[in-house]
Amino acid sequence: MAPKYGVLALVEAKLGKEQEVWDFLNGARAAVLKESGTRTWYAFRVNDYTFGIFDTFDTEEDRQAHLTGAIPAALAQHGPTLLSKDPDIRQIELIAVK
């Protein structure tokens, strides 16, 4: 069964905080490994200051569990010191998966 639900989040690091955002996202992997409902999880860099997270889920319940889990809580706590603006978090529906 292919995942049907996703989350795409883009964040912009404050000037001089790029490495800290990189480290935060790299460290977040440990928390995601504990989430049985998160099918895939990617942290990535778009350019010098823009980073992102993309994850997939089989059910809406799994997605909501992730959105109320450890990573969003940590992002809410550390975001004001690391990010230049609020994260752009979008809940998406997957159309096709390979």
N, C-alpha and C. Protein backbone atom coordinates (compact mmCIF):
# COMPACT_ATOMS: atom_id res chain seq x y z
N MET A 1 0.84 -1.19 0.00
CA MET A 1 0.00 0.00 0.00
C MET A 1 0.89 1.25 0.00
N ALA A 2 0.66 2.14 -0.92
CA ALA A 2 1.42 3.39 -1.00
C ALA A 2 0.88 4.39 0.02
N PRO A 3 1.76 5.22 0.56
CA PRO A 3 1.28 6.26 1.48
C PRO A 3 0.38 7.25 0.75
N LYS A 4 -0.59 7.78 1.47
CA LYS A 4 -1.56 8.70 0.89
C LYS A 4 -1.42 10.13 1.41
N TYR A 5 -0.76 10.30 2.53
CA TYR A 5 -0.73 11.59 3.20
C TYR A 5 0.72 12.04 3.40
N GLY A 6 0.92 13.35 3.41
CA GLY A 6 2.26 13.86 3.60
C GLY A 6 2.25 15.19 4.32
N VAL A 7 3.45 15.60 4.68
CA VAL A 7 3.69 16.93 5.24
C VAL A 7 4.92 17.48 4.55
N LEU A 8 4.81 18.71 4.08
CA LEU A 8 5.94 19.44 3.52
C LEU A 8 6.14 20.69 4.35
N ALA A 9 7.30 20.81 4.95
CA ALA A 9 7.59 21.97 5.79
C ALA A 9 8.87 22.63 5.29
N LEU A 10 8.80 23.94 5.09
CA LEU A 10 9.98 24.72 4.71
C LEU A 10 10.27 25.73 5.81
N VAL A 11 11.55 25.85 6.13
CA VAL A 11 11.98 26.79 7.17
C VAL A 11 13.16 27.61 6.65
N GLU A 12 13.25 28.84 7.10
CA GLU A 12 14.36 29.71 6.73
C GLU A 12 15.16 30.05 7.97
N ALA A 13 16.45 29.73 7.90
CA ALA A 13 17.35 30.01 9.02
C ALA A 13 17.63 31.49 9.14
N LYS A 14 17.78 31.95 10.37
CA LYS A 14 18.27 33.30 10.59
C LYS A 14 19.71 33.37 10.09
N LEU A 15 20.13 34.55 9.68
CA LEU A 15 21.50 34.76 9.23
C LEU A 15 22.47 34.32 10.31
N GLY A 16 23.38 33.42 9.97
CA GLY A 16 24.36 32.91 10.93
C GLY A 16 23.90 31.67 11.68
N LYS A 17 22.65 31.26 11.50
CA LYS A 17 22.11 30.09 12.21
C LYS A 17 21.95 28.88 11.29
N GLU A 18 22.48 28.95 10.08
CA GLU A 18 22.30 27.89 9.10
C GLU A 18 22.81 26.54 9.59
N GLN A 19 23.99 26.51 10.19
CA GLN A 19 24.55 25.25 10.68
C GLN A 19 23.73 24.70 11.84
N GLU A 20 23.21 25.59 12.68
CA GLU A 20 22.38 25.14 13.79
C GLU A 20 21.07 24.52 13.30
N VAL A 21 20.49 25.08 12.24
CA VAL A 21 19.28 24.49 11.67
C VAL A 21 19.62 23.12 11.07
N TRP A 22 20.74 23.05 10.35
CA TRP A 22 21.21 21.76 9.80
C TRP A 22 21.32 20.73 10.92
N ASP A 23 21.99 21.11 12.01
CA ASP A 23 22.20 20.20 13.14
C ASP A 23 20.88 19.80 13.80
N PHE A 24 19.97 20.75 13.91
CA PHE A 24 18.65 20.47 14.50
C PHE A 24 17.93 19.41 13.67
N LEU A 25 17.90 19.61 12.35
CA LEU A 25 17.20 18.65 11.49
C LEU A 25 17.89 17.29 11.48
N ASN A 26 19.19 17.29 11.47
CA ASN A 26 19.93 16.03 11.51
C ASN A 26 19.64 15.28 12.81
N GLY A 27 19.57 15.98 13.91
CA GLY A 27 19.28 15.37 15.20
C GLY A 27 17.84 14.92 15.35
N ALA A 28 16.94 15.53 14.56
CA ALA A 28 15.52 15.17 14.65
C ALA A 28 15.26 13.75 14.16
N ARG A 29 16.16 13.20 13.37
CA ARG A 29 15.99 11.84 12.84
C ARG A 29 15.75 10.83 13.96
N ALA A 30 16.46 10.99 15.06
CA ALA A 30 16.31 10.05 16.19
C ALA A 30 14.87 10.02 16.70
N ALA A 31 14.22 11.16 16.78
CA ALA A 31 12.84 11.22 17.25
C ALA A 31 11.90 10.55 16.25
N VAL A 32 12.14 10.76 14.95
CA VAL A 32 11.27 10.18 13.93
C VAL A 32 11.37 8.66 13.91
N LEU A 33 12.54 8.13 14.20
CA LEU A 33 12.70 6.68 14.21
C LEU A 33 11.78 6.01 15.23
N LYS A 34 11.34 6.76 16.22
CA LYS A 34 10.44 6.22 17.24
C LYS A 34 8.97 6.30 16.84
N GLU A 35 8.69 6.95 15.73
CA GLU A 35 7.31 7.14 15.27
C GLU A 35 6.94 6.00 14.31
N SER A 36 6.17 5.06 14.78
CA SER A 36 5.83 3.91 13.94
C SER A 36 4.96 4.29 12.74
N GLY A 37 4.21 5.38 12.83
CA GLY A 37 3.32 5.76 11.74
C GLY A 37 3.95 6.63 10.67
N THR A 38 5.16 7.08 10.89
CA THR A 38 5.83 7.89 9.88
C THR A 38 6.51 6.93 8.90
N ARG A 39 5.98 6.88 7.68
CA ARG A 39 6.47 5.93 6.68
C ARG A 39 7.85 6.34 6.15
N THR A 40 7.97 7.58 5.67
CA THR A 40 9.26 8.12 5.23
C THR A 40 9.44 9.50 5.81
N TRP A 41 10.68 9.89 5.98
CA TRP A 41 11.00 11.21 6.53
C TRP A 41 12.29 11.68 5.90
N TYR A 42 12.27 12.87 5.35
CA TYR A 42 13.44 13.46 4.73
C TYR A 42 13.66 14.85 5.29
N ALA A 43 14.89 15.16 5.62
CA ALA A 43 15.28 16.53 5.93
C ALA A 43 16.23 16.94 4.81
N PHE A 44 16.07 18.17 4.30
CA PHE A 44 16.87 18.57 3.14
C PHE A 44 17.17 20.06 3.18
N ARG A 45 18.13 20.45 2.34
CA ARG A 45 18.51 21.85 2.21
C ARG A 45 18.17 22.30 0.79
N VAL A 46 17.50 23.44 0.67
CA VAL A 46 17.13 23.99 -0.63
C VAL A 46 18.21 24.95 -1.12
N ASN A 47 18.67 25.82 -0.24
CA ASN A 47 19.75 26.77 -0.56
C ASN A 47 20.46 27.11 0.74
N ASP A 48 21.26 28.15 0.75
CA ASP A 48 22.08 28.47 1.92
C ASP A 48 21.28 28.62 3.21
N TYR A 49 20.07 29.13 3.12
CA TYR A 49 19.29 29.43 4.34
C TYR A 49 17.93 28.74 4.41
N THR A 50 17.50 28.07 3.35
CA THR A 50 16.20 27.40 3.34
C THR A 50 16.37 25.90 3.47
N PHE A 51 15.64 25.32 4.42
CA PHE A 51 15.68 23.89 4.68
C PHE A 51 14.26 23.36 4.64
N GLY A 52 14.13 22.05 4.59
CA GLY A 52 12.80 21.48 4.56
C GLY A 52 12.73 20.10 5.16
N ILE A 53 11.51 19.70 5.41
CA ILE A 53 11.19 18.34 5.87
C ILE A 53 10.04 17.85 5.00
N PHE A 54 10.14 16.62 4.55
CA PHE A 54 9.06 15.97 3.82
C PHE A 54 8.86 14.60 4.43
N ASP A 55 7.64 14.29 4.81
CA ASP A 55 7.35 12.97 5.38
C ASP A 55 6.05 12.44 4.83
N THR A 56 5.91 11.11 4.90
CA THR A 56 4.71 10.46 4.38
C THR A 56 4.10 9.52 5.41
N PHE A 57 2.78 9.29 5.24
CA PHE A 57 2.00 8.51 6.20
C PHE A 57 0.93 7.72 5.47
N ASP A 58 0.56 6.59 6.03
CA ASP A 58 -0.51 5.77 5.44
C ASP A 58 -1.89 6.28 5.80
N THR A 59 -2.02 6.88 6.98
CA THR A 59 -3.33 7.31 7.46
C THR A 59 -3.27 8.75 7.97
N GLU A 60 -4.43 9.37 8.00
CA GLU A 60 -4.53 10.71 8.57
C GLU A 60 -4.18 10.68 10.06
N GLU A 61 -4.52 9.61 10.74
CA GLU A 61 -4.20 9.49 12.17
C GLU A 61 -2.68 9.49 12.39
N ASP A 62 -1.96 8.78 11.52
CA ASP A 62 -0.50 8.76 11.63
C ASP A 62 0.08 10.16 11.41
N ARG A 63 -0.45 10.87 10.42
CA ARG A 63 0.02 12.22 10.14
C ARG A 63 -0.24 13.13 11.34
N GLN A 64 -1.44 13.05 11.91
CA GLN A 64 -1.76 13.92 13.05
C GLN A 64 -0.91 13.57 14.26
N ALA A 65 -0.61 12.29 14.45
CA ALA A 65 0.28 11.90 15.55
C ALA A 65 1.65 12.53 15.37
N HIS A 66 2.14 12.56 14.15
CA HIS A 66 3.44 13.20 13.89
C HIS A 66 3.37 14.70 14.14
N LEU A 67 2.30 15.33 13.67
CA LEU A 67 2.17 16.78 13.80
C LEU A 67 2.01 17.23 15.25
N THR A 68 1.67 16.33 16.14
CA THR A 68 1.57 16.66 17.56
C THR A 68 2.71 16.02 18.35
N GLY A 69 3.72 15.55 17.65
CA GLY A 69 4.82 14.82 18.28
C GLY A 69 6.02 15.68 18.65
N ALA A 70 7.15 15.01 18.80
CA ALA A 70 8.37 15.61 19.33
C ALA A 70 8.97 16.67 18.42
N ILE A 71 8.99 16.44 17.12
CA ILE A 71 9.66 17.39 16.23
C ILE A 71 8.93 18.73 16.15
N PRO A 72 7.61 18.75 15.93
CA PRO A 72 6.92 20.04 15.95
C PRO A 72 7.06 20.76 17.30
N ALA A 73 7.07 20.01 18.39
CA ALA A 73 7.24 20.63 19.71
C ALA A 73 8.63 21.26 19.83
N ALA A 74 9.65 20.54 19.37
CA ALA A 74 11.02 21.08 19.42
C ALA A 74 11.16 22.28 18.49
N LEU A 75 10.52 22.22 17.34
CA LEU A 75 10.57 23.34 16.40
C LEU A 75 9.89 24.57 17.00
N ALA A 76 8.78 24.37 17.68
CA ALA A 76 8.10 25.49 18.34
C ALA A 76 8.99 26.10 19.43
N GLN A 77 9.73 25.25 20.13
CA GLN A 77 10.59 25.73 21.21
C GLN A 77 11.82 26.45 20.69
N HIS A 78 12.49 25.87 19.69
CA HIS A 78 13.77 26.41 19.22
C HIS A 78 13.63 27.33 18.01
N GLY A 79 12.49 27.28 17.34
CA GLY A 79 12.28 28.06 16.13
C GLY A 79 12.55 29.55 16.28
N PRO A 80 12.06 30.18 17.34
CA PRO A 80 12.28 31.62 17.45
C PRO A 80 13.76 32.04 17.48
N THR A 81 14.64 31.19 17.96
CA THR A 81 16.06 31.54 17.99
C THR A 81 16.79 31.12 16.71
N LEU A 82 16.22 30.15 15.97
CA LEU A 82 16.90 29.62 14.78
C LEU A 82 16.34 30.14 13.46
N LEU A 83 15.06 30.47 13.42
CA LEU A 83 14.39 30.76 12.15
C LEU A 83 14.07 32.24 11.98
N SER A 84 14.13 32.68 10.72
CA SER A 84 13.85 34.08 10.42
C SER A 84 12.35 34.39 10.37
N LYS A 85 11.54 33.33 10.19
CA LYS A 85 10.09 33.49 10.18
C LYS A 85 9.46 32.15 10.55
N ASP A 86 8.15 32.15 10.75
CA ASP A 86 7.45 30.92 11.09
C ASP A 86 7.60 29.89 9.97
N PRO A 87 7.67 28.61 10.32
CA PRO A 87 7.76 27.58 9.30
C PRO A 87 6.52 27.57 8.40
N ASP A 88 6.72 27.22 7.14
CA ASP A 88 5.63 27.04 6.20
C ASP A 88 5.33 25.54 6.17
N ILE A 89 4.29 25.12 6.88
CA ILE A 89 3.96 23.70 7.03
C ILE A 89 2.66 23.42 6.28
N ARG A 90 2.75 22.48 5.34
CA ARG A 90 1.58 22.15 4.52
C ARG A 90 1.28 20.66 4.61
N GLN A 91 0.02 20.36 4.84
CA GLN A 91 -0.44 18.98 4.80
C GLN A 91 -0.84 18.69 3.35
N ILE A 92 -0.28 17.64 2.80
CA ILE A 92 -0.51 17.35 1.38
C ILE A 92 -1.11 15.96 1.20
N GLU A 93 -1.77 15.78 0.06
CA GLU A 93 -2.30 14.48 -0.34
C GLU A 93 -1.45 13.98 -1.48
N LEU A 94 -0.94 12.76 -1.35
CA LEU A 94 -0.08 12.19 -2.38
C LEU A 94 -0.94 11.61 -3.51
N ILE A 95 -0.57 11.91 -4.73
CA ILE A 95 -1.30 11.44 -5.90
C ILE A 95 -0.70 10.18 -6.48
N ALA A 96 0.63 10.16 -6.60
CA ALA A 96 1.31 8.99 -7.17
C ALA A 96 2.63 8.79 -6.44
N VAL A 97 2.98 7.53 -6.21
CA VAL A 97 4.20 7.18 -5.50
C VAL A 97 4.88 6.04 -6.24
N LYS A 98 6.17 6.12 -6.35
CA LYS A 98 6.92 5.01 -6.94
C LYS A 98 7.71 4.32 -5.85
